[in-house]
PDB file of N, CA and C in Angstrom:
ATOM      1  N   UNK A   1      55.422  30.964  27.884  1.00  0.00           N
ATOM      2  CA  UNK A   1      55.210  32.343  27.514  1.00  0.00           C
ATOM      3  C   UNK A   1      53.747  32.684  27.758  1.00  0.00           C
ATOM      4  N   UNK A   2      53.490  33.911  28.162  1.00  0.00           N
ATOM      5  CA  UNK A   2      52.138  34.357  28.485  1.00  0.00           C
ATOM      6  C   UNK A   2      51.805  35.574  27.621  1.00  0.00           C
ATOM      7  N   UNK A   3      50.594  35.583  27.032  1.00  0.00           N
ATOM      8  CA  UNK A   3      50.153  36.698  26.198  1.00  0.00           C
ATOM      9  C   UNK A   3      49.657  37.826  27.096  1.00  0.00           C
ATOM     10  N   UNK A   4      50.175  39.036  26.857  1.00  0.00           N
ATOM     11  CA  UNK A   4      49.775  40.191  27.659  1.00  0.00           C
ATOM     12  C   UNK A   4      49.325  41.343  26.774  1.00  0.00           C
ATOM     13  N   UNK A   5      48.516  42.206  27.369  1.00  0.00           N
ATOM     14  CA  UNK A   5      48.082  43.463  26.760  1.00  0.00           C
ATOM     15  C   UNK A   5      48.452  44.549  27.759  1.00  0.00           C
ATOM     16  N   UNK A   6      49.402  45.381  27.423  1.00  0.00           N
ATOM     17  CA  UNK A   6      49.869  46.360  28.397  1.00  0.00           C
ATOM     18  C   UNK A   6      49.341  47.787  28.235  1.00  0.00           C
ATOM     19  N   UNK A   7      48.712  48.172  27.109  1.00  0.00           N
ATOM     20  CA  UNK A   7      48.241  49.556  27.013  1.00  0.00           C
ATOM     21  C   UNK A   7      47.289  49.904  28.162  1.00  0.00           C
ATOM     22  N   UNK A   8      47.496  51.071  28.737  1.00  0.00           N
ATOM     23  CA  UNK A   8      46.649  51.541  29.830  1.00  0.00           C
ATOM     24  C   UNK A   8      47.082  51.065  31.200  1.00  0.00           C
ATOM     25  N   UNK A   9      48.131  50.242  31.257  1.00  0.00           N
ATOM     26  CA  UNK A   9      48.584  49.776  32.570  1.00  0.00           C
ATOM     27  C   UNK A   9      49.417  50.853  33.253  1.00  0.00           C
ATOM     28  N   UNK A  10      49.556  50.708  34.555  1.00  0.00           N
ATOM     29  CA  UNK A  10      50.363  51.624  35.365  1.00  0.00           C
ATOM     30  C   UNK A  10      51.828  51.429  34.979  1.00  0.00           C
ATOM     31  N   UNK A  11      52.389  52.375  34.256  1.00  0.00           N
ATOM     32  CA  UNK A  11      53.757  52.253  33.751  1.00  0.00           C
ATOM     33  C   UNK A  11      54.789  52.161  34.868  1.00  0.00           C
ATOM     34  N   UNK A  12      54.469  52.638  36.062  1.00  0.00           N
ATOM     35  CA  UNK A  12      55.435  52.574  37.162  1.00  0.00           C
ATOM     36  C   UNK A  12      55.335  51.254  37.935  1.00  0.00           C
ATOM     37  N   UNK A  13      54.342  50.422  37.607  1.00  0.00           N
ATOM     38  CA  UNK A  13      54.144  49.157  38.308  1.00  0.00           C
ATOM     39  C   UNK A  13      54.941  48.016  37.695  1.00  0.00           C
ATOM     40  N   UNK A  14      54.864  46.871  38.355  1.00  0.00           N
ATOM     41  CA  UNK A  14      55.527  45.664  37.873  1.00  0.00           C
ATOM     42  C   UNK A  14      54.538  44.497  37.888  1.00  0.00           C
ATOM     43  N   UNK A  15      54.865  43.482  37.097  1.00  0.00           N
ATOM     44  CA  UNK A  15      54.081  42.251  37.065  1.00  0.00           C
ATOM     45  C   UNK A  15      55.038  41.092  37.280  1.00  0.00           C
ATOM     46  N   UNK A  16      54.651  40.193  38.172  1.00  0.00           N
ATOM     47  CA  UNK A  16      55.501  39.055  38.528  1.00  0.00           C
ATOM     48  C   UNK A  16      54.873  37.769  38.001  1.00  0.00           C
ATOM     49  N   UNK A  17      55.702  36.943  37.361  1.00  0.00           N
ATOM     50  CA  UNK A  17      55.309  35.645  36.830  1.00  0.00           C
ATOM     51  C   UNK A  17      56.100  34.579  37.589  1.00  0.00           C
ATOM     52  N   UNK A  18      55.402  33.672  38.231  1.00  0.00           N
ATOM     53  CA  UNK A  18      56.054  32.611  38.990  1.00  0.00           C
ATOM     54  C   UNK A  18      55.513  31.258  38.527  1.00  0.00           C
ATOM     55  N   UNK A  19      56.409  30.360  38.126  1.00  0.00           N
ATOM     56  CA  UNK A  19      56.045  28.990  37.783  1.00  0.00           C
ATOM     57  C   UNK A  19      56.592  28.098  38.885  1.00  0.00           C
ATOM     58  N   UNK A  20      55.677  27.403  39.564  1.00  0.00           N
ATOM     59  CA  UNK A  20      56.018  26.631  40.755  1.00  0.00           C
ATOM     60  C   UNK A  20      55.784  25.143  40.501  1.00  0.00           C
ATOM     61  N   UNK A  21      56.743  24.325  40.882  1.00  0.00           N
ATOM     62  CA  UNK A  21      56.604  22.871  40.794  1.00  0.00           C
ATOM     63  C   UNK A  21      56.019  22.358  42.102  1.00  0.00           C
ATOM     64  N   UNK A  22      54.888  21.664  42.020  1.00  0.00           N
ATOM     65  CA  UNK A  22      54.296  21.115  43.246  1.00  0.00           C
ATOM     66  C   UNK A  22      55.040  19.867  43.710  1.00  0.00           C
ATOM     67  N   UNK A  23      55.830  19.232  42.834  1.00  0.00           N
ATOM     68  CA  UNK A  23      56.581  18.044  43.231  1.00  0.00           C
ATOM     69  C   UNK A  23      57.841  18.426  44.010  1.00  0.00           C
ATOM     70  N   UNK A  24      58.632  19.298  43.429  1.00  0.00           N
ATOM     71  CA  UNK A  24      59.887  19.681  44.070  1.00  0.00           C
ATOM     72  C   UNK A  24      59.730  20.820  45.055  1.00  0.00           C
ATOM     73  N   UNK A  25      58.607  21.517  44.992  1.00  0.00           N
ATOM     74  CA  UNK A  25      58.364  22.627  45.900  1.00  0.00           C
ATOM     75  C   UNK A  25      59.159  23.877  45.583  1.00  0.00           C
ATOM     76  N   UNK A  26      59.787  23.906  44.424  1.00  0.00           N
ATOM     77  CA  UNK A  26      60.626  25.054  44.074  1.00  0.00           C
ATOM     78  C   UNK A  26      59.987  25.868  42.963  1.00  0.00           C
ATOM     79  N   UNK A  27      60.360  27.139  42.911  1.00  0.00           N
ATOM     80  CA  UNK A  27      59.959  27.984  41.788  1.00  0.00           C
ATOM     81  C   UNK A  27      60.923  27.726  40.636  1.00  0.00           C
ATOM     82  N   UNK A  28      60.375  27.406  39.490  1.00  0.00           N
ATOM     83  CA  UNK A  28      61.181  27.160  38.298  1.00  0.00           C
ATOM     84  C   UNK A  28      61.432  28.466  37.571  1.00  0.00           C
ATOM     85  N   UNK A  29      60.442  29.349  37.605  1.00  0.00           N
ATOM     86  CA  UNK A  29      60.568  30.688  37.030  1.00  0.00           C
ATOM     87  C   UNK A  29      60.076  31.678  38.072  1.00  0.00           C
ATOM     88  N   UNK A  30      60.800  32.749  38.237  1.00  0.00           N
ATOM     89  CA  UNK A  30      60.364  33.868  39.070  1.00  0.00           C
ATOM     90  C   UNK A  30      60.859  35.128  38.370  1.00  0.00           C
ATOM     91  N   UNK A  31      59.987  35.699  37.546  1.00  0.00           N
ATOM     92  CA  UNK A  31      60.382  36.822  36.685  1.00  0.00           C
ATOM     93  C   UNK A  31      59.481  38.011  36.956  1.00  0.00           C
ATOM     94  N   UNK A  32      60.084  39.165  37.166  1.00  0.00           N
ATOM     95  CA  UNK A  32      59.340  40.406  37.342  1.00  0.00           C
ATOM     96  C   UNK A  32      59.610  41.306  36.147  1.00  0.00           C
ATOM     97  N   UNK A  33      58.527  41.819  35.561  1.00  0.00           N
ATOM     98  CA  UNK A  33      58.605  42.672  34.383  1.00  0.00           C
ATOM     99  C   UNK A  33      58.056  44.044  34.744  1.00  0.00           C
ATOM    100  N   UNK A  34      58.792  45.079  34.407  1.00  0.00           N
ATOM    101  CA  UNK A  34      58.248  46.433  34.556  1.00  0.00           C
ATOM    102  C   UNK A  34      57.130  46.593  33.533  1.00  0.00           C
ATOM    103  N   UNK A  35      55.980  47.090  33.978  1.00  0.00           N
ATOM    104  CA  UNK A  35      54.848  47.249  33.058  1.00  0.00           C
ATOM    105  C   UNK A  35      55.217  48.106  31.850  1.00  0.00           C
ATOM    106  N   UNK A  36      56.069  49.108  32.057  1.00  0.00           N
ATOM    107  CA  UNK A  36      56.487  49.983  30.963  1.00  0.00           C
ATOM    108  C   UNK A  36      57.277  49.215  29.900  1.00  0.00           C
ATOM    109  N   UNK A  37      57.886  48.070  30.285  1.00  0.00           N
ATOM    110  CA  UNK A  37      58.689  47.273  29.353  1.00  0.00           C
ATOM    111  C   UNK A  37      57.920  46.099  28.758  1.00  0.00           C
ATOM    112  N   UNK A  38      56.696  45.872  29.199  1.00  0.00           N
ATOM    113  CA  UNK A  38      55.908  44.736  28.710  1.00  0.00           C
ATOM    114  C   UNK A  38      55.432  45.010  27.290  1.00  0.00           C
ATOM    115  N   UNK A  39      55.271  43.967  26.490  1.00  0.00           N
ATOM    116  CA  UNK A  39      54.758  44.178  25.130  1.00  0.00           C
ATOM    117  C   UNK A  39      53.359  44.786  25.161  1.00  0.00           C
ATOM    118  N   UNK A  40      53.060  45.631  24.187  1.00  0.00           N
ATOM    119  CA  UNK A  40      51.702  46.190  24.116  1.00  0.00           C
ATOM    120  C   UNK A  40      50.699  45.079  23.866  1.00  0.00           C
ATOM    121  N   UNK A  41      50.977  44.224  22.915  1.00  0.00           N
ATOM    122  CA  UNK A  41      50.181  43.028  22.627  1.00  0.00           C
ATOM    123  C   UNK A  41      51.169  41.976  22.186  1.00  0.00           C
ATOM    124  N   UNK A  42      51.529  41.086  23.081  1.00  0.00           N
ATOM    125  CA  UNK A  42      52.529  40.084  22.721  1.00  0.00           C
ATOM    126  C   UNK A  42      52.872  39.167  23.881  1.00  0.00           C
ATOM    127  N   UNK A  43      53.888  38.355  23.647  1.00  0.00           N
ATOM    128  CA  UNK A  43      54.280  37.326  24.604  1.00  0.00           C
ATOM    129  C   UNK A  43      55.332  37.833  25.572  1.00  0.00           C
ATOM    130  N   UNK A  44      55.149  37.548  26.837  1.00  0.00           N
ATOM    131  CA  UNK A  44      56.213  37.693  27.833  1.00  0.00           C
ATOM    132  C   UNK A  44      56.880  36.326  27.903  1.00  0.00           C
ATOM    133  N   UNK A  45      58.149  36.278  27.582  1.00  0.00           N
ATOM    134  CA  UNK A  45      58.874  35.007  27.516  1.00  0.00           C
ATOM    135  C   UNK A  45      59.314  34.581  28.909  1.00  0.00           C
ATOM    136  N   UNK A  46      59.001  33.347  29.254  1.00  0.00           N
ATOM    137  CA  UNK A  46      59.396  32.770  30.541  1.00  0.00           C
ATOM    138  C   UNK A  46      60.319  31.585  30.247  1.00  0.00           C
ATOM    139  N   UNK A  47      61.607  31.811  30.324  1.00  0.00           N
ATOM    140  CA  UNK A  47      62.588  30.778  29.992  1.00  0.00           C
ATOM    141  C   UNK A  47      63.049  30.064  31.252  1.00  0.00           C
ATOM    142  N   UNK A  48      63.276  28.761  31.121  1.00  0.00           N
ATOM    143  CA  UNK A  48      63.810  27.982  32.234  1.00  0.00           C
ATOM    144  C   UNK A  48      64.470  26.730  31.679  1.00  0.00           C
ATOM    145  N   UNK A  49      65.372  26.130  32.459  1.00  0.00           N
ATOM    146  CA  UNK A  49      66.036  24.903  31.995  1.00  0.00           C
ATOM    147  C   UNK A  49      65.023  23.767  31.838  1.00  0.00           C
ATOM    148  N   UNK A  50      65.336  22.787  30.995  1.00  0.00           N
ATOM    149  CA  UNK A  50      64.422  21.654  30.827  1.00  0.00           C
ATOM    150  C   UNK A  50      64.144  20.945  32.152  1.00  0.00           C
ATOM    151  N   UNK A  51      62.926  20.467  32.295  1.00  0.00           N
ATOM    152  CA  UNK A  51      62.505  19.678  33.448  1.00  0.00           C
ATOM    153  C   UNK A  51      62.337  18.237  32.954  1.00  0.00           C
ATOM    154  N   UNK A  52      63.381  17.408  33.033  1.00  0.00           N
ATOM    155  CA  UNK A  52      63.339  16.092  32.405  1.00  0.00           C
ATOM    156  C   UNK A  52      62.247  15.158  32.955  1.00  0.00           C
ATOM    157  N   UNK A  53      61.916  15.250  34.219  1.00  0.00           N
ATOM    158  CA  UNK A  53      60.937  14.327  34.808  1.00  0.00           C
ATOM    159  C   UNK A  53      59.603  15.027  35.044  1.00  0.00           C
ATOM    160  N   UNK A  54      59.188  15.858  34.104  1.00  0.00           N
ATOM    161  CA  UNK A  54      58.001  16.690  34.331  1.00  0.00           C
ATOM    162  C   UNK A  54      56.690  16.044  33.886  1.00  0.00           C
ATOM    163  N   UNK A  55      56.754  14.972  33.127  1.00  0.00           N
ATOM    164  CA  UNK A  55      55.524  14.381  32.600  1.00  0.00           C
ATOM    165  C   UNK A  55      54.587  13.954  33.732  1.00  0.00           C
ATOM    166  N   UNK A  56      53.340  14.424  33.652  1.00  0.00           N
ATOM    167  CA  UNK A  56      52.330  14.071  34.643  1.00  0.00           C
ATOM    168  C   UNK A  56      52.404  14.883  35.920  1.00  0.00           C
ATOM    169  N   UNK A  57      53.327  15.821  36.023  1.00  0.00           N
ATOM    170  CA  UNK A  57      53.463  16.634  37.228  1.00  0.00           C
ATOM    171  C   UNK A  57      52.635  17.909  37.123  1.00  0.00           C
ATOM    172  N   UNK A  58      52.262  18.429  38.268  1.00  0.00           N
ATOM    173  CA  UNK A  58      51.458  19.642  38.335  1.00  0.00           C
ATOM    174  C   UNK A  58      52.354  20.850  38.562  1.00  0.00           C
ATOM    175  N   UNK A  59      52.105  21.895  37.763  1.00  0.00           N
ATOM    176  CA  UNK A  59      52.816  23.162  37.895  1.00  0.00           C
ATOM    177  C   UNK A  59      51.789  24.264  38.056  1.00  0.00           C
ATOM    178  N   UNK A  60      52.131  25.266  38.849  1.00  0.00           N
ATOM    179  CA  UNK A  60      51.222  26.388  39.086  1.00  0.00           C
ATOM    180  C   UNK A  60      51.892  27.657  38.584  1.00  0.00           C
ATOM    181  N   UNK A  61      51.213  28.341  37.653  1.00  0.00           N
ATOM    182  CA  UNK A  61      51.693  29.624  37.138  1.00  0.00           C
ATOM    183  C   UNK A  61      50.883  30.719  37.817  1.00  0.00           C
ATOM    184  N   UNK A  62      51.572  31.584  38.537  1.00  0.00           N
ATOM    185  CA  UNK A  62      50.932  32.686  39.240  1.00  0.00           C
ATOM    186  C   UNK A  62      51.391  33.998  38.614  1.00  0.00           C
ATOM    187  N   UNK A  63      50.438  34.879  38.352  1.00  0.00           N
ATOM    188  CA  UNK A  63      50.751  36.205  37.826  1.00  0.00           C
ATOM    189  C   UNK A  63      50.181  37.211  38.812  1.00  0.00           C
ATOM    190  N   UNK A  64      51.027  38.105  39.294  1.00  0.00           N
ATOM    191  CA  UNK A  64      50.580  39.113  40.253  1.00  0.00           C
ATOM    192  C   UNK A  64      51.128  40.473  39.857  1.00  0.00           C
ATOM    193  N   UNK A  65      50.455  41.518  40.337  1.00  0.00           N
ATOM    194  CA  UNK A  65      50.815  42.882  39.957  1.00  0.00           C
ATOM    195  C   UNK A  65      51.051  43.735  41.196  1.00  0.00           C
ATOM    196  N   UNK A  66      51.945  44.686  41.070  1.00  0.00           N
ATOM    197  CA  UNK A  66      52.194  45.634  42.163  1.00  0.00           C
ATOM    198  C   UNK A  66      51.168  46.763  42.152  1.00  0.00           C
ATOM    199  N   UNK A  67      50.316  46.787  41.135  1.00  0.00           N
ATOM    200  CA  UNK A  67      49.370  47.878  40.955  1.00  0.00           C
ATOM    201  C   UNK A  67      47.997  47.337  40.575  1.00  0.00           C
ATOM    202  N   UNK A  68      46.919  47.976  41.019  1.00  0.00           N
ATOM    203  CA  UNK A  68      45.590  47.540  40.576  1.00  0.00           C
ATOM    204  C   UNK A  68      45.379  47.737  39.073  1.00  0.00           C
ATOM    205  N   UNK A  69      46.183  48.604  38.454  1.00  0.00           N
ATOM    206  CA  UNK A  69      46.101  48.836  37.011  1.00  0.00           C
ATOM    207  C   UNK A  69      47.284  48.186  36.302  1.00  0.00           C
ATOM    208  N   UNK A  70      47.473  46.903  36.562  1.00  0.00           N
ATOM    209  CA  UNK A  70      48.573  46.171  35.948  1.00  0.00           C
ATOM    210  C   UNK A  70      48.264  45.787  34.519  1.00  0.00           C
ATOM    211  N   UNK A  71      49.204  45.097  33.906  1.00  0.00           N
ATOM    212  CA  UNK A  71      48.984  44.633  32.539  1.00  0.00           C
ATOM    213  C   UNK A  71      47.864  43.593  32.529  1.00  0.00           C
ATOM    214  N   UNK A  72      47.207  43.486  31.407  1.00  0.00           N
ATOM    215  CA  UNK A  72      46.123  42.519  31.263  1.00  0.00           C
ATOM    216  C   UNK A  72      46.654  41.277  30.572  1.00  0.00           C
ATOM    217  N   UNK A  73      46.074  40.145  30.927  1.00  0.00           N
ATOM    218  CA  UNK A  73      46.462  38.880  30.312  1.00  0.00           C
ATOM    219  C   UNK A  73      45.484  38.522  29.214  1.00  0.00           C
ATOM    220  N   UNK A  74      45.958  37.791  28.227  1.00  0.00           N
ATOM    221  CA  UNK A  74      45.068  37.283  27.190  1.00  0.00           C
ATOM    222  C   UNK A  74      44.317  36.069  27.702  1.00  0.00           C
ATOM    223  N   UNK A  75      43.021  36.010  27.421  1.00  0.00           N
ATOM    224  CA  UNK A  75      42.167  34.902  27.844  1.00  0.00           C
ATOM    225  C   UNK A  75      41.510  34.272  26.626  1.00  0.00           C
ATOM    226  N   UNK A  76      41.208  32.988  26.730  1.00  0.00           N
ATOM    227  CA  UNK A  76      40.426  32.310  25.706  1.00  0.00           C
ATOM    228  C   UNK A  76      38.948  32.612  25.929  1.00  0.00           C
ATOM    229  N   UNK A  77      38.125  32.340  24.943  1.00  0.00           N
ATOM    230  CA  UNK A  77      36.688  32.553  25.084  1.00  0.00           C
ATOM    231  C   UNK A  77      36.054  31.517  25.997  1.00  0.00           C
ATOM    232  N   UNK A  78      36.621  30.318  26.016  1.00  0.00           N
ATOM    233  CA  UNK A  78      36.113  29.265  26.887  1.00  0.00           C
ATOM    234  C   UNK A  78      37.287  28.423  27.358  1.00  0.00           C
ATOM    235  N   UNK A  79      37.044  27.577  28.349  1.00  0.00           N
ATOM    236  CA  UNK A  79      38.111  26.742  28.901  1.00  0.00           C
ATOM    237  C   UNK A  79      38.384  25.566  27.973  1.00  0.00           C
ATOM    238  N   UNK A  80      39.454  25.637  27.191  1.00  0.00           N
ATOM    239  CA  UNK A  80      39.830  24.569  26.268  1.00  0.00           C
ATOM    240  C   UNK A  80      40.956  23.698  26.815  1.00  0.00           C
ATOM    241  N   UNK A  81      41.733  24.221  27.744  1.00  0.00           N
ATOM    242  CA  UNK A  81      42.881  23.494  28.291  1.00  0.00           C
ATOM    243  C   UNK A  81      42.391  22.647  29.464  1.00  0.00           C
ATOM    244  N   UNK A  82      42.122  21.381  29.183  1.00  0.00           N
ATOM    245  CA  UNK A  82      41.506  20.517  30.188  1.00  0.00           C
ATOM    246  C   UNK A  82      42.480  20.042  31.266  1.00  0.00           C
ATOM    247  N   UNK A  83      43.779  20.233  31.053  1.00  0.00           N
ATOM    248  CA  UNK A  83      44.770  19.772  32.023  1.00  0.00           C
ATOM    249  C   UNK A  83      44.974  20.758  33.169  1.00  0.00           C
ATOM    250  N   UNK A  84      44.263  21.878  33.155  1.00  0.00           N
ATOM    251  CA  UNK A  84      44.445  22.860  34.221  1.00  0.00           C
ATOM    252  C   UNK A  84      43.216  23.721  34.389  1.00  0.00           C
ATOM    253  N   UNK A  85      43.244  24.538  35.431  1.00  0.00           N
ATOM    254  CA  UNK A  85      42.146  25.455  35.720  1.00  0.00           C
ATOM    255  C   UNK A  85      42.720  26.853  35.918  1.00  0.00           C
ATOM    256  N   UNK A  86      41.943  27.852  35.544  1.00  0.00           N
ATOM    257  CA  UNK A  86      42.342  29.237  35.715  1.00  0.00           C
ATOM    258  C   UNK A  86      41.549  29.861  36.855  1.00  0.00           C
ATOM    259  N   UNK A  87      42.270  30.479  37.765  1.00  0.00           N
ATOM    260  CA  UNK A  87      41.665  31.199  38.882  1.00  0.00           C
ATOM    261  C   UNK A  87      42.020  32.671  38.757  1.00  0.00           C
ATOM    262  N   UNK A  88      41.069  33.528  39.059  1.00  0.00           N
ATOM    263  CA  UNK A  88      41.314  34.962  39.080  1.00  0.00           C
ATOM    264  C   UNK A  88      40.892  35.472  40.450  1.00  0.00           C
ATOM    265  N   UNK A  89      41.832  36.046  41.166  1.00  0.00           N
ATOM    266  CA  UNK A  89      41.597  36.519  42.535  1.00  0.00           C
ATOM    267  C   UNK A  89      41.026  35.408  43.415  1.00  0.00           C
ATOM    268  N   UNK A  90      41.540  34.184  43.238  1.00  0.00           N
ATOM    269  CA  UNK A  90      41.158  33.048  44.058  1.00  0.00           C
ATOM    270  C   UNK A  90      39.908  32.307  43.631  1.00  0.00           C
ATOM    271  N   UNK A  91      39.192  32.797  42.616  1.00  0.00           N
ATOM    272  CA  UNK A  91      37.953  32.152  42.180  1.00  0.00           C
ATOM    273  C   UNK A  91      38.146  31.557  40.783  1.00  0.00           C
ATOM    274  N   UNK A  92      37.678  30.309  40.561  1.00  0.00           N
ATOM    275  CA  UNK A  92      37.809  29.718  39.231  1.00  0.00           C
ATOM    276  C   UNK A  92      36.934  30.450  38.222  1.00  0.00           C
ATOM    277  N   UNK A  93      37.466  30.588  36.994  1.00  0.00           N
ATOM    278  CA  UNK A  93      36.681  31.208  35.926  1.00  0.00           C
ATOM    279  C   UNK A  93      36.645  30.238  34.752  1.00  0.00           C
ATOM    280  N   UNK A  94      35.683  30.374  33.884  1.00  0.00           N
ATOM    281  CA  UNK A  94      35.482  29.433  32.786  1.00  0.00           C
ATOM    282  C   UNK A  94      36.245  29.786  31.534  1.00  0.00           C
ATOM    283  N   UNK A  95      37.464  30.255  31.693  1.00  0.00           N
ATOM    284  CA  UNK A  95      38.316  30.607  30.563  1.00  0.00           C
ATOM    285  C   UNK A  95      39.716  30.076  30.826  1.00  0.00           C
ATOM    286  N   UNK A  96      40.584  30.228  29.860  1.00  0.00           N
ATOM    287  CA  UNK A  96      41.994  29.875  30.012  1.00  0.00           C
ATOM    288  C   UNK A  96      42.863  31.087  29.725  1.00  0.00           C
ATOM    289  N   UNK A  97      43.968  31.183  30.416  1.00  0.00           N
ATOM    290  CA  UNK A  97      44.976  32.183  30.119  1.00  0.00           C
ATOM    291  C   UNK A  97      45.666  31.747  28.830  1.00  0.00           C
ATOM    292  N   UNK A  98      45.986  32.691  27.959  1.00  0.00           N
ATOM    293  CA  UNK A  98      46.703  32.355  26.731  1.00  0.00           C
ATOM    294  C   UNK A  98      48.181  32.185  27.067  1.00  0.00           C
ATOM    295  N   UNK A  99      48.656  30.975  26.881  1.00  0.00           N
ATOM    296  CA  UNK A  99      50.061  30.678  27.110  1.00  0.00           C
ATOM    297  C   UNK A  99      50.526  29.679  26.064  1.00  0.00           C
ATOM    298  N   UNK A 100      51.827  29.597  25.923  1.00  0.00           N
ATOM    299  CA  UNK A 100      52.408  28.613  25.017  1.00  0.00           C
ATOM    300  C   UNK A 100      53.637  28.030  25.685  1.00  0.00           C
ATOM    301  N   UNK A 101      53.872  26.782  25.392  1.00  0.00           N
ATOM    302  CA  UNK A 101      55.055  26.138  25.931  1.00  0.00           C
ATOM    303  C   UNK A 101      55.617  25.191  24.896  1.00  0.00           C
ATOM    304  N   UNK A 102      56.842  24.818  25.099  1.00  0.00           N
ATOM    305  CA  UNK A 102      57.481  23.883  24.190  1.00  0.00           C
ATOM    306  C   UNK A 102      58.015  22.699  24.967  1.00  0.00           C
ATOM    307  N   UNK A 103      58.227  21.641  24.259  1.00  0.00           N
ATOM    308  CA  UNK A 103      58.834  20.475  24.892  1.00  0.00           C
ATOM    309  C   UNK A 103      59.865  19.911  23.928  1.00  0.00           C
ATOM    310  N   UNK A 104      60.787  19.182  24.488  1.00  0.00           N
ATOM    311  CA  UNK A 104      61.823  18.564  23.681  1.00  0.00           C
ATOM    312  C   UNK A 104      61.607  17.061  23.707  1.00  0.00           C
ATOM    313  N   UNK A 105      61.106  16.552  22.613  1.00  0.00           N
ATOM    314  CA  UNK A 105      60.897  15.104  22.511  1.00  0.00           C
ATOM    315  C   UNK A 105      62.241  14.398  22.606  1.00  0.00           C
ATOM    316  N   UNK A 106      62.298  13.350  23.406  1.00  0.00           N
ATOM    317  CA  UNK A 106      63.535  12.596  23.563  1.00  0.00           C
ATOM    318  C   UNK A 106      64.526  13.242  24.492  1.00  0.00           C
ATOM    319  N   UNK A 107      64.094  14.200  25.311  1.00  0.00           N
ATOM    320  CA  UNK A 107      65.022  14.909  26.202  1.00  0.00           C
ATOM    321  C   UNK A 107      65.708  13.956  27.170  1.00  0.00           C
ATOM    322  N   UNK A 108      64.963  13.024  27.753  1.00  0.00           N
ATOM    323  CA  UNK A 108      65.558  12.089  28.708  1.00  0.00           C
ATOM    324  C   UNK A 108      66.702  11.296  28.061  1.00  0.00           C
ATOM    325  N   UNK A 109      66.483  10.885  26.810  1.00  0.00           N
ATOM    326  CA  UNK A 109      67.518  10.131  26.103  1.00  0.00           C
ATOM    327  C   UNK A 109      68.751  11.006  25.850  1.00  0.00           C
ATOM    328  N   UNK A 110      68.529  12.269  25.500  1.00  0.00           N
ATOM    329  CA  UNK A 110      69.659  13.181  25.270  1.00  0.00           C
ATOM    330  C   UNK A 110      70.444  13.419  26.546  1.00  0.00           C
ATOM    331  N   UNK A 111      69.745  13.540  27.678  1.00  0.00           N
ATOM    332  CA  UNK A 111      70.418  13.808  28.952  1.00  0.00           C
ATOM    333  C   UNK A 111      71.207  12.595  29.450  1.00  0.00           C
ATOM    334  N   UNK A 112      70.828  11.406  29.027  1.00  0.00           N
ATOM    335  CA  UNK A 112      71.520  10.188  29.462  1.00  0.00           C
ATOM    336  C   UNK A 112      72.770   9.888  28.656  1.00  0.00           C
ATOM    337  N   UNK A 113      73.043  10.666  27.614  1.00  0.00           N
ATOM    338  CA  UNK A 113      74.219  10.420  26.788  1.00  0.00           C
ATOM    339  C   UNK A 113      75.274  11.451  26.998  1.00  0.00           C
TER     340      UNK A 113
END
C-alpha cells in the first residue's frame, strides 16, 4: 500500500502503480487509479497473491501519472528503509516513499500442505 495526498491533483488524470519482479520479469501489480477516486490522505491498496519465494528478491515499485498535476505521494523525512532506494524522475533522493506491506510467516509451509 502507498500513502497518497490527492487534494489539488488533476481530477481527470490517472495514477499508475506497478510492482515489478526483477527475478521473474513480470508485473505483480499493475493498478491504475483515477485521481478523482484516490484518497485525500490515505492508503492506495495494492493487492496481489502471495509470492512464496520472494525472500531476498528485488522488486521495483513504479508510480507514474498521466498528468503533471497528479496525486502526491507521502515521503519520509529521511531515508530509513535501507533495503531500497527512492528515485524521483530518474534521480535518487534522500527520502523514502511511505508504503506498508505484510507478510505471512510460514507461508511456504502452508503452501506445501
